[in-house]
N, C-alpha and C. Protein backbone atom coordinates (compact mmCIF):
# COMPACT_ATOMS: atom_id res chain seq x y z
N MET A 1 6.40 4.89 -0.89
CA MET A 1 6.96 4.06 -1.94
C MET A 1 5.83 3.22 -2.55
N ASN A 2 5.83 3.10 -3.84
CA ASN A 2 4.84 2.29 -4.53
C ASN A 2 5.35 0.87 -4.68
N ASP A 3 4.55 -0.09 -4.22
CA ASP A 3 4.91 -1.49 -4.38
C ASP A 3 4.52 -1.94 -5.77
N LEU A 4 5.27 -2.88 -6.29
CA LEU A 4 4.94 -3.45 -7.59
C LEU A 4 3.80 -4.45 -7.43
N THR A 5 2.96 -4.52 -8.44
CA THR A 5 1.86 -5.48 -8.41
C THR A 5 2.39 -6.88 -8.70
N LEU A 6 1.55 -7.85 -8.47
CA LEU A 6 1.90 -9.24 -8.76
C LEU A 6 2.24 -9.42 -10.23
N THR A 7 1.48 -8.79 -11.10
CA THR A 7 1.72 -8.87 -12.54
C THR A 7 3.04 -8.21 -12.92
N GLU A 8 3.34 -7.08 -12.32
CA GLU A 8 4.60 -6.39 -12.61
C GLU A 8 5.80 -7.21 -12.16
N LEU A 9 5.69 -7.84 -10.99
CA LEU A 9 6.78 -8.70 -10.50
C LEU A 9 6.96 -9.91 -11.41
N ALA A 10 5.86 -10.50 -11.85
CA ALA A 10 5.96 -11.65 -12.75
C ALA A 10 6.60 -11.24 -14.08
N THR A 11 6.28 -10.04 -14.54
CA THR A 11 6.88 -9.54 -15.77
C THR A 11 8.38 -9.34 -15.62
N LEU A 12 8.80 -8.79 -14.50
CA LEU A 12 10.23 -8.61 -14.25
C LEU A 12 10.96 -9.95 -14.21
N ILE A 13 10.36 -10.94 -13.58
CA ILE A 13 10.96 -12.27 -13.53
C ILE A 13 11.13 -12.82 -14.94
N ALA A 14 10.11 -12.67 -15.77
CA ALA A 14 10.18 -13.15 -17.15
C ALA A 14 11.28 -12.44 -17.93
N VAL A 15 11.43 -11.15 -17.71
CA VAL A 15 12.48 -10.39 -18.40
C VAL A 15 13.85 -10.89 -17.98
N PHE A 16 14.05 -11.08 -16.68
CA PHE A 16 15.33 -11.59 -16.19
C PHE A 16 15.63 -12.96 -16.79
N GLU A 17 14.61 -13.82 -16.81
CA GLU A 17 14.82 -15.17 -17.33
C GLU A 17 15.16 -15.16 -18.81
N ARG A 18 14.51 -14.31 -19.59
CA ARG A 18 14.80 -14.23 -21.02
C ARG A 18 16.17 -13.62 -21.27
N ALA A 19 16.57 -12.67 -20.45
CA ALA A 19 17.85 -12.00 -20.64
C ALA A 19 19.03 -12.88 -20.26
N VAL A 20 18.80 -13.87 -19.44
CA VAL A 20 19.83 -14.80 -18.97
C VAL A 20 21.02 -14.04 -18.40
N VAL A 21 20.75 -12.96 -17.70
CA VAL A 21 21.82 -12.20 -17.07
C VAL A 21 21.98 -12.55 -15.60
N ALA A 22 21.01 -13.23 -15.06
CA ALA A 22 21.02 -13.51 -13.62
C ALA A 22 22.20 -14.38 -13.20
N ASP A 23 22.70 -15.21 -14.10
CA ASP A 23 23.80 -16.10 -13.73
C ASP A 23 25.17 -15.48 -13.97
N GLN A 24 25.22 -14.29 -14.56
CA GLN A 24 26.50 -13.72 -14.96
C GLN A 24 27.02 -12.62 -14.05
N ASP A 25 26.15 -11.92 -13.38
CA ASP A 25 26.55 -10.76 -12.60
C ASP A 25 25.99 -10.87 -11.19
N LYS A 26 26.83 -10.65 -10.19
CA LYS A 26 26.43 -10.80 -8.80
C LYS A 26 25.29 -9.85 -8.44
N ASP A 27 25.39 -8.59 -8.84
CA ASP A 27 24.35 -7.61 -8.52
C ASP A 27 23.04 -7.97 -9.20
N GLU A 28 23.12 -8.42 -10.45
CA GLU A 28 21.92 -8.80 -11.17
C GLU A 28 21.29 -10.05 -10.55
N GLN A 29 22.12 -10.98 -10.14
CA GLN A 29 21.62 -12.19 -9.49
C GLN A 29 20.92 -11.82 -8.19
N GLU A 30 21.51 -10.92 -7.41
CA GLU A 30 20.89 -10.49 -6.15
C GLU A 30 19.54 -9.81 -6.41
N MET A 31 19.48 -8.95 -7.41
CA MET A 31 18.23 -8.28 -7.74
C MET A 31 17.18 -9.29 -8.19
N PHE A 32 17.59 -10.25 -9.00
CA PHE A 32 16.68 -11.29 -9.47
C PHE A 32 16.12 -12.08 -8.30
N GLU A 33 16.96 -12.44 -7.35
CA GLU A 33 16.50 -13.18 -6.17
C GLU A 33 15.53 -12.34 -5.34
N ARG A 34 15.81 -11.06 -5.20
CA ARG A 34 14.91 -10.17 -4.44
C ARG A 34 13.55 -10.04 -5.13
N ILE A 35 13.56 -9.97 -6.44
CA ILE A 35 12.30 -9.87 -7.19
C ILE A 35 11.51 -11.17 -7.05
N LYS A 36 12.21 -12.33 -7.13
CA LYS A 36 11.51 -13.61 -6.98
C LYS A 36 10.92 -13.74 -5.58
N LEU A 37 11.64 -13.29 -4.56
CA LEU A 37 11.14 -13.34 -3.19
C LEU A 37 9.93 -12.42 -3.02
N ALA A 38 10.02 -11.21 -3.56
CA ALA A 38 8.89 -10.27 -3.48
C ALA A 38 7.67 -10.84 -4.19
N HIS A 39 7.89 -11.51 -5.32
CA HIS A 39 6.79 -12.13 -6.07
C HIS A 39 6.14 -13.23 -5.24
N ALA A 40 6.93 -14.07 -4.63
CA ALA A 40 6.40 -15.17 -3.82
C ALA A 40 5.61 -14.63 -2.62
N GLU A 41 6.14 -13.59 -1.98
CA GLU A 41 5.45 -13.00 -0.85
C GLU A 41 4.13 -12.36 -1.28
N ARG A 42 4.15 -11.66 -2.41
CA ARG A 42 2.93 -11.02 -2.91
C ARG A 42 1.90 -12.06 -3.30
N LEU A 43 2.35 -13.15 -3.93
CA LEU A 43 1.46 -14.23 -4.32
C LEU A 43 0.79 -14.84 -3.09
N GLU A 44 1.57 -15.07 -2.05
CA GLU A 44 1.03 -15.63 -0.82
C GLU A 44 0.03 -14.67 -0.19
N LEU A 45 0.36 -13.40 -0.14
CA LEU A 45 -0.52 -12.40 0.47
C LEU A 45 -1.84 -12.31 -0.29
N GLU A 46 -1.78 -12.32 -1.61
CA GLU A 46 -2.99 -12.21 -2.41
C GLU A 46 -3.83 -13.48 -2.38
N SER A 47 -3.23 -14.60 -2.00
CA SER A 47 -3.99 -15.85 -1.94
C SER A 47 -4.66 -16.06 -0.58
N MET A 48 -4.32 -15.22 0.40
CA MET A 48 -4.89 -15.37 1.73
C MET A 48 -6.34 -14.91 1.75
N ASP A 49 -7.16 -15.61 2.49
CA ASP A 49 -8.56 -15.25 2.64
C ASP A 49 -8.72 -14.62 4.02
N PHE A 50 -8.75 -13.30 4.05
CA PHE A 50 -8.81 -12.60 5.32
C PHE A 50 -10.18 -12.72 5.99
N ASP A 51 -11.18 -13.18 5.27
CA ASP A 51 -12.48 -13.41 5.89
C ASP A 51 -12.39 -14.52 6.93
N ASP A 52 -11.45 -15.44 6.75
CA ASP A 52 -11.26 -16.51 7.73
C ASP A 52 -10.71 -15.98 9.04
N CYS A 53 -10.18 -14.77 9.06
CA CYS A 53 -9.55 -14.23 10.25
C CYS A 53 -10.47 -13.34 11.07
N LEU A 54 -11.69 -13.16 10.63
CA LEU A 54 -12.63 -12.33 11.38
C LEU A 54 -12.89 -12.93 12.75
N GLY A 55 -12.98 -12.09 13.74
CA GLY A 55 -13.25 -12.57 15.08
C GLY A 55 -12.05 -13.19 15.76
N GLY A 56 -10.85 -12.96 15.23
CA GLY A 56 -9.64 -13.47 15.85
C GLY A 56 -9.40 -14.96 15.61
N ALA A 57 -9.96 -15.51 14.53
CA ALA A 57 -9.82 -16.94 14.26
C ALA A 57 -8.40 -17.31 13.87
N CYS A 58 -7.62 -16.36 13.41
CA CYS A 58 -6.23 -16.64 13.04
C CYS A 58 -5.37 -15.43 13.37
N LYS A 59 -4.09 -15.63 13.38
CA LYS A 59 -3.17 -14.55 13.69
C LYS A 59 -2.24 -14.37 12.50
N LEU A 60 -2.01 -13.12 12.14
CA LEU A 60 -1.09 -12.82 11.04
C LEU A 60 0.26 -12.45 11.58
């Protein structure tokens, strides 16, 4: 499975926000929440500095 990039997730969030459909439909709201969560997780992952973890200095 291909994961969406950070930019693609941000684009989807913007589309949902402009469409204002997230508040009207349960399935759409659930999908919007899942996309926002995936975006937050991807943002956190991409902001991590894995060089700090060399030699077992941290645990993931």
